[in-house]
């Protein structure tokens, strides 16, 4: 095994791990959005539930088909991150839910 092929193998392994992590996170975000009440999204001044479920379904598909580093995959990663960082906490807060603590 040459150094170039070893580095290529390592790069491919890192890209695979990134794609798996982004794909799983996107699927979890999609599941979360699908399980929420439809009135929670407009209540926090965000787009509708149908909009977010559609966007996250497309994002999940893009990530799994094109990888997290390709152009469409990056669009999917950005959409998933916007949901997880901005929309999910607000939707959970208005419903009195939390992912990591029991209430």
PDB file of N, CA and C in Angstrom:
ATOM      1  N   UNK A   1       0.853  -1.174   0.000  1.00  0.00           N
ATOM      2  CA  UNK A   1       0.000   0.000   0.000  1.00  0.00           C
ATOM      3  C   UNK A   1       0.902   1.241   0.000  1.00  0.00           C
ATOM      4  N   UNK A   2       0.652   2.101  -0.939  1.00  0.00           N
ATOM      5  CA  UNK A   2       1.444   3.329  -1.022  1.00  0.00           C
ATOM      6  C   UNK A   2       0.856   4.396  -0.097  1.00  0.00           C
ATOM      7  N   UNK A   3       1.616   5.433   0.141  1.00  0.00           N
ATOM      8  CA  UNK A   3       1.152   6.512   1.001  1.00  0.00           C
ATOM      9  C   UNK A   3      -0.046   7.208   0.374  1.00  0.00           C
ATOM     10  N   UNK A   4      -0.031   7.381  -0.933  1.00  0.00           N
ATOM     11  CA  UNK A   4      -1.146   8.047  -1.616  1.00  0.00           C
ATOM     12  C   UNK A   4      -2.431   7.244  -1.476  1.00  0.00           C
ATOM     13  N   UNK A   5      -2.367   5.930  -1.632  1.00  0.00           N
ATOM     14  CA  UNK A   5      -3.582   5.114  -1.504  1.00  0.00           C
ATOM     15  C   UNK A   5      -4.041   5.060  -0.045  1.00  0.00           C
ATOM     16  N   UNK A   6      -3.105   5.086   0.883  1.00  0.00           N
ATOM     17  CA  UNK A   6      -3.458   5.119   2.306  1.00  0.00           C
ATOM     18  C   UNK A   6      -4.192   6.416   2.651  1.00  0.00           C
ATOM     19  N   UNK A   7      -3.686   7.547   2.154  1.00  0.00           N
ATOM     20  CA  UNK A   7      -4.339   8.835   2.396  1.00  0.00           C
ATOM     21  C   UNK A   7      -5.699   8.904   1.725  1.00  0.00           C
ATOM     22  N   UNK A   8      -5.807   8.319   0.541  1.00  0.00           N
ATOM     23  CA  UNK A   8      -7.087   8.279  -0.164  1.00  0.00           C
ATOM     24  C   UNK A   8      -8.101   7.447   0.618  1.00  0.00           C
ATOM     25  N   UNK A   9      -7.653   6.326   1.159  1.00  0.00           N
ATOM     26  CA  UNK A   9      -8.521   5.483   1.978  1.00  0.00           C
ATOM     27  C   UNK A   9      -8.993   6.254   3.213  1.00  0.00           C
ATOM     28  N   UNK A  10      -8.079   6.964   3.860  1.00  0.00           N
ATOM     29  CA  UNK A  10      -8.434   7.745   5.044  1.00  0.00           C
ATOM     30  C   UNK A  10      -9.426   8.850   4.722  1.00  0.00           C
ATOM     31  N   UNK A  11      -9.222   9.518   3.607  1.00  0.00           N
ATOM     32  CA  UNK A  11     -10.149  10.580   3.188  1.00  0.00           C
ATOM     33  C   UNK A  11     -11.535  10.006   2.930  1.00  0.00           C
ATOM     34  N   UNK A  12     -11.592   8.889   2.234  1.00  0.00           N
ATOM     35  CA  UNK A  12     -12.886   8.257   1.950  1.00  0.00           C
ATOM     36  C   UNK A  12     -13.579   7.808   3.229  1.00  0.00           C
ATOM     37  N   UNK A  13     -12.810   7.331   4.190  1.00  0.00           N
ATOM     38  CA  UNK A  13     -13.380   6.901   5.466  1.00  0.00           C
ATOM     39  C   UNK A  13     -13.973   8.093   6.222  1.00  0.00           C
ATOM     40  N   UNK A  14     -13.267   9.204   6.232  1.00  0.00           N
ATOM     41  CA  UNK A  14     -13.763  10.415   6.901  1.00  0.00           C
ATOM     42  C   UNK A  14     -15.043  10.906   6.220  1.00  0.00           C
ATOM     43  N   UNK A  15     -15.072  10.929   4.898  1.00  0.00           N
ATOM     44  CA  UNK A  15     -16.274  11.356   4.178  1.00  0.00           C
ATOM     45  C   UNK A  15     -17.455  10.428   4.456  1.00  0.00           C
ATOM     46  N   UNK A  16     -17.194   9.132   4.583  1.00  0.00           N
ATOM     47  CA  UNK A  16     -18.252   8.180   4.898  1.00  0.00           C
ATOM     48  C   UNK A  16     -18.817   8.447   6.289  1.00  0.00           C
ATOM     49  N   UNK A  17     -17.950   8.688   7.252  1.00  0.00           N
ATOM     50  CA  UNK A  17     -18.404   8.962   8.617  1.00  0.00           C
ATOM     51  C   UNK A  17     -19.222  10.249   8.666  1.00  0.00           C
ATOM     52  N   UNK A  18     -18.767  11.281   7.979  1.00  0.00           N
ATOM     53  CA  UNK A  18     -19.512  12.551   7.934  1.00  0.00           C
ATOM     54  C   UNK A  18     -20.881  12.344   7.294  1.00  0.00           C
ATOM     55  N   UNK A  19     -20.927  11.597   6.195  1.00  0.00           N
ATOM     56  CA  UNK A  19     -22.198  11.342   5.515  1.00  0.00           C
ATOM     57  C   UNK A  19     -23.143  10.537   6.399  1.00  0.00           C
ATOM     58  N   UNK A  20     -22.632   9.516   7.087  1.00  0.00           N
ATOM     59  CA  UNK A  20     -23.479   8.724   7.981  1.00  0.00           C
ATOM     60  C   UNK A  20     -24.034   9.581   9.112  1.00  0.00           C
ATOM     61  N   UNK A  21     -23.194  10.406   9.720  1.00  0.00           N
ATOM     62  CA  UNK A  21     -23.650  11.263  10.820  1.00  0.00           C
ATOM     63  C   UNK A  21     -24.706  12.262  10.331  1.00  0.00           C
ATOM     64  N   UNK A  22     -24.459  12.887   9.191  1.00  0.00           N
ATOM     65  CA  UNK A  22     -25.420  13.865   8.656  1.00  0.00           C
ATOM     66  C   UNK A  22     -26.713  13.171   8.229  1.00  0.00           C
ATOM     67  N   UNK A  23     -26.607  11.993   7.636  1.00  0.00           N
ATOM     68  CA  UNK A  23     -27.800  11.262   7.208  1.00  0.00           C
ATOM     69  C   UNK A  23     -28.664  10.833   8.379  1.00  0.00           C
ATOM     70  N   UNK A  24     -28.032  10.359   9.438  1.00  0.00           N
ATOM     71  CA  UNK A  24     -28.784   9.952  10.625  1.00  0.00           C
ATOM     72  C   UNK A  24     -29.415  11.169  11.299  1.00  0.00           C
ATOM     73  N   UNK A  25     -28.660  12.260  11.418  1.00  0.00           N
ATOM     74  CA  UNK A  25     -29.201  13.484  12.025  1.00  0.00           C
ATOM     75  C   UNK A  25     -30.379  14.023  11.213  1.00  0.00           C
ATOM     76  N   UNK A  26     -30.275  13.951   9.907  1.00  0.00           N
ATOM     77  CA  UNK A  26     -31.357  14.423   9.053  1.00  0.00           C
ATOM     78  C   UNK A  26     -32.600  13.543   9.199  1.00  0.00           C
ATOM     79  N   UNK A  27     -32.406  12.247   9.294  1.00  0.00           N
ATOM     80  CA  UNK A  27     -33.542  11.339   9.484  1.00  0.00           C
ATOM     81  C   UNK A  27     -34.209  11.575  10.836  1.00  0.00           C
ATOM     82  N   UNK A  28     -33.418  11.839  11.865  1.00  0.00           N
ATOM     83  CA  UNK A  28     -33.972  12.132  13.190  1.00  0.00           C
ATOM     84  C   UNK A  28     -34.750  13.451  13.160  1.00  0.00           C
ATOM     85  N   UNK A  29     -34.205  14.454  12.479  1.00  0.00           N
ATOM     86  CA  UNK A  29     -34.908  15.734  12.350  1.00  0.00           C
ATOM     87  C   UNK A  29     -36.226  15.559  11.600  1.00  0.00           C
ATOM     88  N   UNK A  30     -36.213  14.757  10.554  1.00  0.00           N
ATOM     89  CA  UNK A  30     -37.435  14.478   9.792  1.00  0.00           C
ATOM     90  C   UNK A  30     -38.475  13.790  10.675  1.00  0.00           C
ATOM     91  N   UNK A  31     -38.050  12.817  11.443  1.00  0.00           N
ATOM     92  CA  UNK A  31     -38.957  12.113  12.344  1.00  0.00           C
ATOM     93  C   UNK A  31     -39.525  13.074  13.393  1.00  0.00           C
ATOM     94  N   UNK A  32     -38.672  13.919  13.933  1.00  0.00           N
ATOM     95  CA  UNK A  32     -39.131  14.892  14.928  1.00  0.00           C
ATOM     96  C   UNK A  32     -40.190  15.818  14.331  1.00  0.00           C
ATOM     97  N   UNK A  33     -39.907  16.358  13.142  1.00  0.00           N
ATOM     98  CA  UNK A  33     -40.858  17.282  12.513  1.00  0.00           C
ATOM     99  C   UNK A  33     -42.180  16.589  12.206  1.00  0.00           C
ATOM    100  N   UNK A  34     -42.119  15.347  11.785  1.00  0.00           N
ATOM    101  CA  UNK A  34     -43.339  14.616  11.432  1.00  0.00           C
ATOM    102  C   UNK A  34     -44.215  14.326  12.653  1.00  0.00           C
ATOM    103  N   UNK A  35     -43.609  14.225  13.827  1.00  0.00           N
ATOM    104  CA  UNK A  35     -44.360  13.867  15.031  1.00  0.00           C
ATOM    105  C   UNK A  35     -44.912  15.075  15.799  1.00  0.00           C
ATOM    106  N   UNK A  36     -44.624  16.284  15.349  1.00  0.00           N
ATOM    107  CA  UNK A  36     -45.069  17.480  16.070  1.00  0.00           C
ATOM    108  C   UNK A  36     -46.480  17.900  15.641  1.00  0.00           C
ATOM    109  N   UNK A  37     -47.121  18.662  16.521  1.00  0.00           N
ATOM    110  CA  UNK A  37     -48.444  19.190  16.194  1.00  0.00           C
ATOM    111  C   UNK A  37     -48.312  20.234  15.098  1.00  0.00           C
ATOM    112  N   UNK A  38     -49.225  20.266  14.142  1.00  0.00           N
ATOM    113  CA  UNK A  38     -49.136  21.230  13.041  1.00  0.00           C
ATOM    114  C   UNK A  38     -49.233  22.689  13.493  1.00  0.00           C
ATOM    115  N   UNK A  39     -49.950  22.962  14.568  1.00  0.00           N
ATOM    116  CA  UNK A  39     -50.112  24.348  15.003  1.00  0.00           C
ATOM    117  C   UNK A  39     -48.902  24.892  15.755  1.00  0.00           C
ATOM    118  N   UNK A  40     -47.943  24.044  16.094  1.00  0.00           N
ATOM    119  CA  UNK A  40     -46.760  24.498  16.841  1.00  0.00           C
ATOM    120  C   UNK A  40     -45.818  25.321  15.967  1.00  0.00           C
ATOM    121  N   UNK A  41     -45.762  25.025  14.691  1.00  0.00           N
ATOM    122  CA  UNK A  41     -44.827  25.725  13.806  1.00  0.00           C
ATOM    123  C   UNK A  41     -45.224  27.187  13.573  1.00  0.00           C
ATOM    124  N   UNK A  42     -46.473  27.468  13.187  1.00  0.00           N
ATOM    125  CA  UNK A  42     -46.845  28.880  13.043  1.00  0.00           C
ATOM    126  C   UNK A  42     -46.842  29.637  14.377  1.00  0.00           C
ATOM    127  N   UNK A  43     -47.044  28.924  15.474  1.00  0.00           N
ATOM    128  CA  UNK A  43     -47.055  29.576  16.784  1.00  0.00           C
ATOM    129  C   UNK A  43     -45.698  30.154  17.154  1.00  0.00           C
ATOM    130  N   UNK A  44     -44.618  29.618  16.589  1.00  0.00           N
ATOM    131  CA  UNK A  44     -43.273  30.145  16.861  1.00  0.00           C
ATOM    132  C   UNK A  44     -42.739  30.935  15.669  1.00  0.00           C
ATOM    133  N   UNK A  45     -43.646  31.396  14.821  1.00  0.00           N
ATOM    134  CA  UNK A  45     -43.305  32.211  13.646  1.00  0.00           C
ATOM    135  C   UNK A  45     -42.340  31.502  12.700  1.00  0.00           C
ATOM    136  N   UNK A  46     -42.592  30.246  12.431  1.00  0.00           N
ATOM    137  CA  UNK A  46     -41.805  29.479  11.472  1.00  0.00           C
ATOM    138  C   UNK A  46     -42.741  28.954  10.394  1.00  0.00           C
ATOM    139  N   UNK A  47     -42.177  28.406   9.338  1.00  0.00           N
ATOM    140  CA  UNK A  47     -42.977  27.848   8.250  1.00  0.00           C
ATOM    141  C   UNK A  47     -43.852  26.712   8.783  1.00  0.00           C
ATOM    142  N   UNK A  48     -44.747  26.218   7.954  1.00  0.00           N
ATOM    143  CA  UNK A  48     -45.696  25.186   8.380  1.00  0.00           C
ATOM    144  C   UNK A  48     -45.015  23.831   8.560  1.00  0.00           C
ATOM    145  N   UNK A  49     -45.728  22.935   9.194  1.00  0.00           N
ATOM    146  CA  UNK A  49     -45.224  21.571   9.396  1.00  0.00           C
ATOM    147  C   UNK A  49     -44.988  20.892   8.055  1.00  0.00           C
ATOM    148  N   UNK A  50     -45.902  21.065   7.120  1.00  0.00           N
ATOM    149  CA  UNK A  50     -45.767  20.438   5.795  1.00  0.00           C
ATOM    150  C   UNK A  50     -44.488  20.929   5.115  1.00  0.00           C
ATOM    151  N   UNK A  51     -44.204  22.217   5.224  1.00  0.00           N
ATOM    152  CA  UNK A  51     -42.992  22.777   4.646  1.00  0.00           C
ATOM    153  C   UNK A  51     -41.760  22.102   5.235  1.00  0.00           C
ATOM    154  N   UNK A  52     -41.673  22.028   6.564  1.00  0.00           N
ATOM    155  CA  UNK A  52     -40.473  21.472   7.195  1.00  0.00           C
ATOM    156  C   UNK A  52     -40.335  19.974   6.952  1.00  0.00           C
ATOM    157  N   UNK A  53     -41.434  19.253   6.959  1.00  0.00           N
ATOM    158  CA  UNK A  53     -41.341  17.813   6.670  1.00  0.00           C
ATOM    159  C   UNK A  53     -40.878  17.608   5.230  1.00  0.00           C
ATOM    160  N   UNK A  54     -41.382  18.407   4.312  1.00  0.00           N
ATOM    161  CA  UNK A  54     -40.958  18.301   2.908  1.00  0.00           C
ATOM    162  C   UNK A  54     -39.487  18.648   2.740  1.00  0.00           C
ATOM    163  N   UNK A  55     -39.056  19.739   3.344  1.00  0.00           N
ATOM    164  CA  UNK A  55     -37.651  20.158   3.255  1.00  0.00           C
ATOM    165  C   UNK A  55     -36.739  19.096   3.861  1.00  0.00           C
ATOM    166  N   UNK A  56     -37.107  18.584   5.017  1.00  0.00           N
ATOM    167  CA  UNK A  56     -36.255  17.585   5.678  1.00  0.00           C
ATOM    168  C   UNK A  56     -36.263  16.245   4.948  1.00  0.00           C
ATOM    169  N   UNK A  57     -37.372  15.901   4.301  1.00  0.00           N
ATOM    170  CA  UNK A  57     -37.397  14.679   3.488  1.00  0.00           C
ATOM    171  C   UNK A  57     -36.450  14.829   2.299  1.00  0.00           C
ATOM    172  N   UNK A  58     -36.492  15.987   1.650  1.00  0.00           N
ATOM    173  CA  UNK A  58     -35.574  16.237   0.532  1.00  0.00           C
ATOM    174  C   UNK A  58     -34.130  16.276   1.018  1.00  0.00           C
ATOM    175  N   UNK A  59     -33.897  16.896   2.172  1.00  0.00           N
ATOM    176  CA  UNK A  59     -32.542  16.975   2.724  1.00  0.00           C
ATOM    177  C   UNK A  59     -31.994  15.584   3.025  1.00  0.00           C
ATOM    178  N   UNK A  60     -32.816  14.747   3.629  1.00  0.00           N
ATOM    179  CA  UNK A  60     -32.387  13.380   3.938  1.00  0.00           C
ATOM    180  C   UNK A  60     -32.076  12.616   2.658  1.00  0.00           C
ATOM    181  N   UNK A  61     -32.912  12.763   1.677  1.00  0.00           N
ATOM    182  CA  UNK A  61     -32.684  12.101   0.393  1.00  0.00           C
ATOM    183  C   UNK A  61     -31.397  12.594  -0.264  1.00  0.00           C
ATOM    184  N   UNK A  62     -31.187  13.902  -0.279  1.00  0.00           N
ATOM    185  CA  UNK A  62     -29.971  14.470  -0.871  1.00  0.00           C
ATOM    186  C   UNK A  62     -28.714  13.969  -0.164  1.00  0.00           C
ATOM    187  N   UNK A  63     -28.743  13.940   1.159  1.00  0.00           N
ATOM    188  CA  UNK A  63     -27.565  13.506   1.911  1.00  0.00           C
ATOM    189  C   UNK A  63     -27.247  12.049   1.622  1.00  0.00           C
ATOM    190  N   UNK A  64     -28.260  11.189   1.635  1.00  0.00           N
ATOM    191  CA  UNK A  64     -28.008   9.760   1.416  1.00  0.00           C
ATOM    192  C   UNK A  64     -27.632   9.463  -0.038  1.00  0.00           C
ATOM    193  N   UNK A  65     -28.183  10.212  -0.986  1.00  0.00           N
ATOM    194  CA  UNK A  65     -27.874   9.935  -2.392  1.00  0.00           C
ATOM    195  C   UNK A  65     -26.575  10.572  -2.863  1.00  0.00           C
ATOM    196  N   UNK A  66     -26.288  11.801  -2.418  1.00  0.00           N
ATOM    197  CA  UNK A  66     -25.161  12.552  -2.952  1.00  0.00           C
ATOM    198  C   UNK A  66     -24.023  12.741  -1.959  1.00  0.00           C
ATOM    199  N   UNK A  67     -24.188  12.271  -0.734  1.00  0.00           N
ATOM    200  CA  UNK A  67     -23.158  12.462   0.277  1.00  0.00           C
ATOM    201  C   UNK A  67     -23.287  13.834   0.908  1.00  0.00           C
ATOM    202  N   UNK A  68     -22.673  13.985   2.068  1.00  0.00           N
ATOM    203  CA  UNK A  68     -22.802  15.236   2.811  1.00  0.00           C
ATOM    204  C   UNK A  68     -21.887  16.324   2.270  1.00  0.00           C
ATOM    205  N   UNK A  69     -20.959  15.983   1.379  1.00  0.00           N
ATOM    206  CA  UNK A  69     -19.987  16.954   0.905  1.00  0.00           C
ATOM    207  C   UNK A  69     -20.315  17.475  -0.500  1.00  0.00           C
ATOM    208  N   UNK A  70     -21.153  16.762  -1.259  1.00  0.00           N
ATOM    209  CA  UNK A  70     -21.557  17.238  -2.579  1.00  0.00           C
ATOM    210  C   UNK A  70     -22.446  18.467  -2.461  1.00  0.00           C
ATOM    211  N   UNK A  71     -22.671  19.155  -3.559  1.00  0.00           N
ATOM    212  CA  UNK A  71     -23.447  20.399  -3.535  1.00  0.00           C
ATOM    213  C   UNK A  71     -24.858  20.187  -2.983  1.00  0.00           C
ATOM    214  N   UNK A  72     -25.580  19.210  -3.501  1.00  0.00           N
ATOM    215  CA  UNK A  72     -26.937  18.964  -2.998  1.00  0.00           C
ATOM    216  C   UNK A  72     -26.905  18.428  -1.577  1.00  0.00           C
ATOM    217  N   UNK A  73     -25.891  17.645  -1.258  1.00  0.00           N
ATOM    218  CA  UNK A  73     -25.739  17.151   0.109  1.00  0.00           C
ATOM    219  C   UNK A  73     -25.510  18.285   1.095  1.00  0.00           C
ATOM    220  N   UNK A  74     -24.706  19.261   0.701  1.00  0.00           N
ATOM    221  CA  UNK A  74     -24.472  20.421   1.573  1.00  0.00           C
ATOM    222  C   UNK A  74     -25.742  21.227   1.788  1.00  0.00           C
ATOM    223  N   UNK A  75     -26.554  21.340   0.757  1.00  0.00           N
ATOM    224  CA  UNK A  75     -27.848  22.021   0.908  1.00  0.00           C
ATOM    225  C   UNK A  75     -28.706  21.269   1.920  1.00  0.00           C
ATOM    226  N   UNK A  76     -28.691  19.947   1.832  1.00  0.00           N
ATOM    227  CA  UNK A  76     -29.427  19.125   2.797  1.00  0.00           C
ATOM    228  C   UNK A  76     -28.903  19.281   4.212  1.00  0.00           C
ATOM    229  N   UNK A  77     -27.594  19.347   4.362  1.00  0.00           N
ATOM    230  CA  UNK A  77     -26.994  19.519   5.688  1.00  0.00           C
ATOM    231  C   UNK A  77     -27.388  20.876   6.273  1.00  0.00           C
ATOM    232  N   UNK A  78     -27.368  21.914   5.475  1.00  0.00           N
ATOM    233  CA  UNK A  78     -27.751  23.243   5.957  1.00  0.00           C
ATOM    234  C   UNK A  78     -29.225  23.251   6.384  1.00  0.00           C
ATOM    235  N   UNK A  79     -30.088  22.668   5.593  1.00  0.00           N
ATOM    236  CA  UNK A  79     -31.515  22.613   5.949  1.00  0.00           C
ATOM    237  C   UNK A  79     -31.723  21.847   7.255  1.00  0.00           C
ATOM    238  N   UNK A  80     -31.032  20.723   7.404  1.00  0.00           N
ATOM    239  CA  UNK A  80     -31.150  19.923   8.618  1.00  0.00           C
ATOM    240  C   UNK A  80     -30.637  20.699   9.825  1.00  0.00           C
ATOM    241  N   UNK A  81     -29.519  21.403   9.673  1.00  0.00           N
ATOM    242  CA  UNK A  81     -28.958  22.165  10.785  1.00  0.00           C
ATOM    243  C   UNK A  81     -29.857  23.340  11.181  1.00  0.00           C
ATOM    244  N   UNK A  82     -30.460  24.004  10.209  1.00  0.00           N
ATOM    245  CA  UNK A  82     -31.390  25.096  10.520  1.00  0.00           C
ATOM    246  C   UNK A  82     -32.550  24.558  11.348  1.00  0.00           C
ATOM    247  N   UNK A  83     -33.076  23.405  10.957  1.00  0.00           N
ATOM    248  CA  UNK A  83     -34.186  22.829  11.718  1.00  0.00           C
ATOM    249  C   UNK A  83     -33.746  22.459  13.132  1.00  0.00           C
ATOM    250  N   UNK A  84     -32.633  21.746  13.241  1.00  0.00           N
ATOM    251  CA  UNK A  84     -32.203  21.263  14.555  1.00  0.00           C
ATOM    252  C   UNK A  84     -31.773  22.385  15.498  1.00  0.00           C
ATOM    253  N   UNK A  85     -31.188  23.439  14.964  1.00  0.00           N
ATOM    254  CA  UNK A  85     -30.655  24.503  15.815  1.00  0.00           C
ATOM    255  C   UNK A  85     -31.682  25.605  16.078  1.00  0.00           C
ATOM    256  N   UNK A  86     -32.538  25.900  15.114  1.00  0.00           N
ATOM    257  CA  UNK A  86     -33.452  27.024  15.256  1.00  0.00           C
ATOM    258  C   UNK A  86     -34.900  26.600  15.494  1.00  0.00           C
ATOM    259  N   UNK A  87     -35.430  25.757  14.650  1.00  0.00           N
ATOM    260  CA  UNK A  87     -36.862  25.449  14.689  1.00  0.00           C
ATOM    261  C   UNK A  87     -37.194  24.450  15.793  1.00  0.00           C
ATOM    262  N   UNK A  88     -36.459  23.351  15.892  1.00  0.00           N
ATOM    263  CA  UNK A  88     -36.771  22.310  16.882  1.00  0.00           C
ATOM    264  C   UNK A  88     -36.830  22.830  18.314  1.00  0.00           C
ATOM    265  N   UNK A  89     -35.842  23.614  18.775  1.00  0.00           N
ATOM    266  CA  UNK A  89     -35.936  24.086  20.170  1.00  0.00           C
ATOM    267  C   UNK A  89     -37.165  24.954  20.427  1.00  0.00           C
ATOM    268  N   UNK A  90     -37.551  25.765  19.461  1.00  0.00           N
ATOM    269  CA  UNK A  90     -38.724  26.628  19.636  1.00  0.00           C
ATOM    270  C   UNK A  90     -40.014  25.816  19.640  1.00  0.00           C
ATOM    271  N   UNK A  91     -40.090  24.839  18.739  1.00  0.00           N
ATOM    272  CA  UNK A  91     -41.283  23.988  18.687  1.00  0.00           C
ATOM    273  C   UNK A  91     -41.403  23.168  19.969  1.00  0.00           C
ATOM    274  N   UNK A  92     -40.279  22.644  20.451  1.00  0.00           N
ATOM    275  CA  UNK A  92     -40.309  21.890  21.702  1.00  0.00           C
ATOM    276  C   UNK A  92     -40.686  22.781  22.878  1.00  0.00           C
ATOM    277  N   UNK A  93     -40.160  24.005  22.912  1.00  0.00           N
ATOM    278  CA  UNK A  93     -40.435  24.906  24.032  1.00  0.00           C
ATOM    279  C   UNK A  93     -41.903  25.289  24.102  1.00  0.00           C
ATOM    280  N   UNK A  94     -42.514  25.557  22.962  1.00  0.00           N
ATOM    281  CA  UNK A  94     -43.916  25.974  22.981  1.00  0.00           C
ATOM    282  C   UNK A  94     -44.842  24.820  23.368  1.00  0.00           C
ATOM    283  N   UNK A  95     -44.387  23.591  23.141  1.00  0.00           N
ATOM    284  CA  UNK A  95     -45.184  22.422  23.511  1.00  0.00           C
ATOM    285  C   UNK A  95     -44.809  21.881  24.891  1.00  0.00           C
ATOM    286  N   UNK A  96     -43.787  22.476  25.501  1.00  0.00           N
ATOM    287  CA  UNK A  96     -43.355  22.007  26.823  1.00  0.00           C
ATOM    288  C   UNK A  96     -42.623  20.683  26.768  1.00  0.00           C
ATOM    289  N   UNK A  97     -41.957  20.395  25.670  1.00  0.00           N
ATOM    290  CA  UNK A  97     -41.232  19.131  25.503  1.00  0.00           C
ATOM    291  C   UNK A  97     -39.732  19.383  25.550  1.00  0.00           C
ATOM    292  N   UNK A  98     -39.007  18.316  25.823  1.00  0.00           N
ATOM    293  CA  UNK A  98     -37.556  18.368  25.758  1.00  0.00           C
ATOM    294  C   UNK A  98     -37.060  16.994  25.349  1.00  0.00           C
ATOM    295  N   UNK A  99     -36.023  16.959  24.524  1.00  0.00           N
ATOM    296  CA  UNK A  99     -35.502  15.670  24.077  1.00  0.00           C
ATOM    297  C   UNK A  99     -34.729  14.950  25.161  1.00  0.00           C
ATOM    298  N   UNK A 100     -34.079  15.706  26.033  1.00  0.00           N
ATOM    299  CA  UNK A 100     -33.115  15.084  26.928  1.00  0.00           C
ATOM    300  C   UNK A 100     -33.519  15.068  28.384  1.00  0.00           C
ATOM    301  N   UNK A 101     -34.688  15.548  28.735  1.00  0.00           N
ATOM    302  CA  UNK A 101     -35.133  15.472  30.109  1.00  0.00           C
ATOM    303  C   UNK A 101     -36.602  15.065  30.127  1.00  0.00           C
ATOM    304  N   UNK A 102     -36.957  14.396  31.186  1.00  0.00           N
ATOM    305  CA  UNK A 102     -38.348  13.949  31.301  1.00  0.00           C
ATOM    306  C   UNK A 102     -39.152  14.980  32.090  1.00  0.00           C
ATOM    307  N   UNK A 103     -40.318  15.289  31.564  1.00  0.00           N
ATOM    308  CA  UNK A 103     -41.189  16.245  32.258  1.00  0.00           C
ATOM    309  C   UNK A 103     -42.521  15.601  32.513  1.00  0.00           C
TER     310      UNK A 103
END
